Amino acid sequence: MALPNIYTDVNFKNQPVSSGIISDSSSCAISDSSSALPKKTTIHTSNPGFPTLLLAFLIFFLLLAILFSVALIVLFQMYSDLLEEKNSLNQLNHAKLHCIKNHSSVEDKIWSCCPKNWKPFGSRCYFTSSDSASWNKSEEKCSLRGAHLLVIRSQEEQDFITNTLNPHAAYYLGLSDPEGHGQWQWVDQTPYDQNATSWHSDEPSGNTELCVVLSYHRNVKGWGWSVAPCDGNHRLVCEMMRLYL
């Protein structure tokens, strides 16, 4: 048996939705969403910059300069001390000293001394060597003893020296003319006084590099000065100041 078709009137009404009204739940959702957005943050980093680096380099190099200067001062002082010690050793590099009571005007000094085997005269000491060498070698030998070749300042000094010399030998003086132009020079820078010389009658002679020896002429006046080549081998007399202790 067929069921009868039943129809019912059903009315559907479209309910309008206002676009300006947002439900509370939607509002909350949007609010929460906006608050959850990440905030953009700015990170500030410290940059020393060029002036700071330059200042650091300047300070570094300044410190290096100070250290270098201190090192130079220390080295210079050490060198000066060594040089002074060497000069003292040159003067005192003798096995023994012969000393006498000092009666001169040297203050705070009791004894005046000459090395053993040196002869005192005035304020100086003299050493005569029997070795023969050139003028330069002779001066070098005297220098190693803290002295220099003989410088004659008076006739009395020459007479004292010649009384100890061998008349058959010639002895270098500390007098030379390096250019051969008559410009005579003493090794200790004593001014050359032409009126206080003791040349033999035919001297000085020659026009090349010249040195002077103290020699004895029997037929003239005894001891006097003669010109000799600087590379000749002659004996020597060394001279140094007395040591005051």
Protein backbone atom coordinates (compact mmCIF):
# COMPACT_ATOMS: atom_id res chain seq x y z
CA MET A 1 0.00 0.00 0.00
CA ALA A 2 1.43 3.24 -1.01
CA LEU A 3 2.02 5.91 1.62
CA PRO A 4 0.41 9.22 0.84
CA ASN A 5 2.73 12.17 0.20
CA ILE A 6 2.49 14.69 3.02
CA TYR A 7 3.66 18.19 2.38
CA THR A 8 4.31 20.76 5.05
CA ASP A 9 4.80 24.38 4.41
CA VAL A 10 8.21 25.35 5.64
CA ASN A 11 9.20 28.96 5.43
CA PHE A 12 12.91 29.81 5.51
CA LYS A 13 13.77 33.38 6.38
CA ASN A 14 17.20 34.80 5.70
CA GLN A 15 18.34 36.65 8.82
CA PRO A 16 20.53 39.60 7.82
CA VAL A 17 23.96 39.86 9.36
CA SER A 18 25.25 43.32 10.14
CA SER A 19 28.78 43.82 8.92
CA GLY A 20 29.55 46.30 11.64
CA ILE A 21 28.82 43.94 14.47
CA ILE A 22 31.54 41.52 15.55
CA SER A 23 30.93 38.99 18.12
CA ASP A 24 32.75 39.07 21.39
CA SER A 25 34.54 35.87 20.62
CA SER A 26 35.80 37.20 17.32
CA SER A 27 36.92 40.43 18.97
CA CYS A 28 38.83 38.56 21.59
CA ALA A 29 40.45 36.43 18.94
CA ILE A 30 41.60 39.41 16.96
CA SER A 31 42.81 41.17 20.08
CA ASP A 32 44.79 38.15 21.13
CA SER A 33 46.20 37.80 17.65
CA SER A 34 47.36 41.39 17.51
CA SER A 35 48.97 41.16 20.92
CA ALA A 36 50.79 38.02 19.93
CA LEU A 37 52.59 39.67 17.02
CA PRO A 38 56.38 39.85 17.64
CA LYS A 39 57.73 43.26 18.38
CA LYS A 40 60.67 44.45 16.33
CA THR A 41 63.67 45.17 18.58
CA THR A 42 66.82 47.09 17.73
CA ILE A 43 70.19 45.75 18.97
CA HIS A 44 72.84 48.38 19.51
CA THR A 45 76.46 47.16 19.19
CA SER A 46 79.47 49.08 20.50
CA ASN A 47 81.94 50.07 17.75
CA PRO A 48 85.26 51.48 19.04
CA GLY A 49 85.79 53.39 15.83
CA PHE A 50 89.02 54.67 14.23
CA PRO A 51 89.97 57.31 16.89
CA THR A 52 89.96 54.72 19.69
CA LEU A 53 92.18 52.33 17.71
CA LEU A 54 94.55 55.17 16.84
CA LEU A 55 94.81 56.17 20.49
CA ALA A 56 95.61 52.57 21.45
CA PHE A 57 98.35 52.38 18.82
CA LEU A 58 99.81 55.70 19.94
CA ILE A 59 99.95 54.54 23.56
CA PHE A 60 101.57 51.26 22.48
CA PHE A 61 104.27 52.97 20.42
CA LEU A 62 104.85 55.52 23.18
CA LEU A 63 105.52 52.71 25.63
CA LEU A 64 107.88 51.07 23.14
CA ALA A 65 109.73 54.36 22.69
CA ILE A 66 110.09 54.79 26.44
CA LEU A 67 111.40 51.24 26.86
CA PHE A 68 113.81 51.71 23.97
CA SER A 69 115.10 54.99 25.45
CA VAL A 70 115.62 53.38 28.85
CA ALA A 71 117.49 50.49 27.22
CA LEU A 72 119.73 52.94 25.32
CA ILE A 73 120.49 54.88 28.49
CA VAL A 74 121.38 51.69 30.36
CA LEU A 75 123.60 50.45 27.53
CA PHE A 76 125.32 53.84 27.23
CA GLN A 77 125.99 53.90 30.97
CA MET A 78 127.39 50.37 30.83
CA TYR A 79 129.61 51.35 27.88
CA SER A 80 130.82 54.48 29.72
CA ASP A 81 131.62 52.43 32.81
CA LEU A 82 133.54 49.88 30.74
CA LEU A 83 135.44 52.63 28.94
CA GLU A 84 136.33 54.33 32.20
CA GLU A 85 137.40 51.02 33.66
CA LYS A 86 139.53 50.34 30.59
CA ASN A 87 141.23 53.73 30.90
CA SER A 88 141.90 53.08 34.56
CA LEU A 89 143.34 49.67 33.76
CA ASN A 90 145.56 51.23 31.10
CA GLN A 91 147.00 53.47 33.78
CA LEU A 92 147.16 50.84 36.50
CA ASN A 93 148.02 47.81 34.37
CA HIS A 94 151.41 47.44 36.00
CA ALA A 95 152.64 44.76 38.32
CA LYS A 96 154.00 47.24 40.88
CA LEU A 97 154.05 50.96 41.56
CA HIS A 98 156.83 52.99 43.06
CA CYS A 99 155.34 55.78 45.17
CA ILE A 100 156.72 58.70 47.12
CA LYS A 101 155.08 61.08 49.56
CA ASN A 102 153.19 63.72 47.67
CA HIS A 103 154.21 67.31 48.38
CA SER A 104 152.48 68.89 45.39
CA SER A 105 149.27 70.92 45.35
CA VAL A 106 147.11 67.96 44.28
CA GLU A 107 144.26 67.88 46.80
CA ASP A 108 143.31 64.75 48.72
CA LYS A 109 146.23 62.81 47.24
CA ILE A 110 148.96 61.47 49.53
CA TRP A 111 151.19 59.52 47.15
CA SER A 112 152.57 60.20 43.68
CA CYS A 113 153.51 57.02 41.84
CA CYS A 114 155.22 55.72 38.74
CA PRO A 115 155.09 52.11 37.54
CA LYS A 116 158.04 49.98 38.49
CA ASN A 117 160.98 50.42 36.06
CA TRP A 118 159.67 53.84 35.01
CA LYS A 119 161.74 56.92 35.91
CA PRO A 120 160.04 59.95 37.47
CA PHE A 121 160.80 63.52 36.50
CA GLY A 122 158.58 66.46 37.42
CA SER A 123 154.96 65.42 37.09
CA ARG A 124 155.67 62.59 34.61
CA CYS A 125 157.04 59.07 34.35
CA TYR A 126 159.31 57.75 31.56
CA PHE A 127 159.97 54.29 30.20
CA THR A 128 162.80 53.38 27.83
CA SER A 129 162.46 50.31 25.63
CA SER A 130 165.25 48.46 23.86
CA ASP A 131 162.79 47.12 21.26
CA SER A 132 162.90 48.59 17.75
CA ALA A 133 159.82 49.35 15.65
CA SER A 134 158.30 51.91 13.28
CA TRP A 135 156.92 55.20 14.58
CA ASN A 136 153.30 54.00 14.48
CA LYS A 137 154.15 50.70 16.18
CA SER A 138 156.17 52.54 18.81
CA GLU A 139 153.26 54.85 19.58
CA GLU A 140 150.98 51.83 19.77
CA LYS A 141 153.30 50.12 22.27
CA CYS A 142 153.25 53.24 24.46
CA SER A 143 149.47 53.47 24.18
CA LEU A 144 149.12 49.90 25.45
CA ARG A 145 151.00 51.06 28.55
CA GLY A 146 148.62 53.99 29.05
CA ALA A 147 151.26 56.41 27.76
CA HIS A 148 152.49 58.08 24.55
CA LEU A 149 155.82 58.70 22.84
CA LEU A 150 158.18 61.17 24.49
CA VAL A 151 157.31 64.87 24.29
CA ILE A 152 160.18 67.28 25.03
CA ARG A 153 159.10 70.50 26.76
CA SER A 154 162.40 71.81 28.14
CA GLN A 155 166.14 71.30 27.92
CA GLU A 156 166.13 70.06 31.52
CA GLU A 157 163.67 67.34 30.60
CA GLN A 158 165.76 66.30 27.59
CA ASP A 159 168.95 66.22 29.65
CA PHE A 160 167.24 63.98 32.22
CA ILE A 161 166.10 61.56 29.51
CA THR A 162 169.34 61.44 27.52
CA ASN A 163 171.33 60.54 30.66
CA THR A 164 169.50 57.20 30.58
CA LEU A 165 169.80 56.48 26.84
CA ASN A 166 172.28 54.49 24.76
CA PRO A 167 174.25 56.93 22.54
CA HIS A 168 174.61 54.25 19.87
CA ALA A 169 170.85 54.10 19.30
CA ALA A 170 168.15 56.50 18.13
CA TYR A 171 164.83 56.91 19.95
CA TYR A 172 161.53 58.02 18.48
CA LEU A 173 159.98 61.24 19.78
CA GLY A 174 156.26 61.89 19.69
CA LEU A 175 156.85 64.51 16.98
CA SER A 176 155.96 64.13 13.30
CA ASP A 177 155.06 66.00 10.13
CA PRO A 178 152.40 63.79 8.46
CA GLU A 179 152.16 65.88 5.29
CA GLY A 180 155.83 66.81 4.96
CA HIS A 181 154.97 70.53 4.86
CA GLY A 182 156.81 71.61 7.98
CA GLN A 183 153.68 71.33 10.14
CA TRP A 184 155.20 69.58 13.15
CA GLN A 185 152.80 68.03 15.66
CA TRP A 186 153.29 66.51 19.10
CA VAL A 187 151.22 63.40 19.87
CA ASP A 188 149.65 64.96 22.99
CA GLN A 189 148.64 68.17 21.16
CA THR A 190 151.34 70.21 22.91
CA PRO A 191 151.90 73.32 20.72
CA TYR A 192 155.06 73.10 18.66
CA ASP A 193 157.41 75.93 19.68
CA GLN A 194 160.16 76.45 17.11
CA ASN A 195 162.17 78.44 19.66
CA ALA A 196 162.16 75.53 22.10
CA THR A 197 163.61 72.81 19.89
CA SER A 198 166.85 70.87 19.85
CA TRP A 199 167.44 70.13 16.17
CA HIS A 200 170.87 69.10 14.99
CA SER A 201 172.53 71.78 12.85
CA ASP A 202 171.46 70.28 9.50
CA GLU A 203 167.90 69.50 10.56
CA PRO A 204 165.01 69.40 9.85
CA SER A 205 165.35 68.13 6.29
CA GLY A 206 163.20 66.26 3.78
CA ASN A 207 159.85 66.90 2.14
CA THR A 208 157.91 63.66 2.67
CA GLU A 209 156.18 62.05 5.66
CA LEU A 210 158.64 62.71 8.45
CA CYS A 211 159.13 61.58 12.02
CA VAL A 212 161.70 62.65 14.58
CA VAL A 213 164.26 60.68 16.55
CA LEU A 214 166.46 61.69 19.45
CA SER A 215 170.02 60.76 18.46
CA TYR A 216 173.60 61.39 19.56
CA HIS A 217 176.19 63.10 17.33
CA ARG A 218 179.68 62.90 18.75
CA ASN A 219 181.21 65.63 16.60
CA VAL A 220 178.50 68.22 17.12
CA LYS A 221 176.84 68.92 20.44
CA GLY A 222 175.77 65.50 21.63
CA TRP A 223 172.07 64.68 21.75
CA GLY A 224 169.66 66.36 19.36
CA TRP A 225 166.69 65.87 17.05
CA SER A 226 166.98 64.30 13.61
CA VAL A 227 164.45 63.63 10.87
CA ALA A 228 163.89 59.96 10.05
CA PRO A 229 161.45 57.97 7.88
CA CYS A 230 158.39 56.96 9.90
CA ASP A 231 158.69 53.33 8.80
CA GLY A 232 162.25 52.98 10.09
CA ASN A 233 162.97 50.77 13.10
CA HIS A 234 164.17 52.70 16.14
CA ARG A 235 163.90 52.43 19.88
CA LEU A 236 161.32 54.36 21.88
CA VAL A 237 160.72 56.34 25.05
CA CYS A 238 157.22 56.34 26.55
CA GLU A 239 155.84 59.09 28.76
CA MET A 240 152.84 59.28 31.07
CA MET A 241 151.52 61.46 33.87
CA ARG A 242 152.26 60.38 37.41
CA LEU A 243 149.54 58.47 39.24
CA TYR A 244 148.28 60.22 42.37
CA LEU A 245 146.79 58.08 45.13
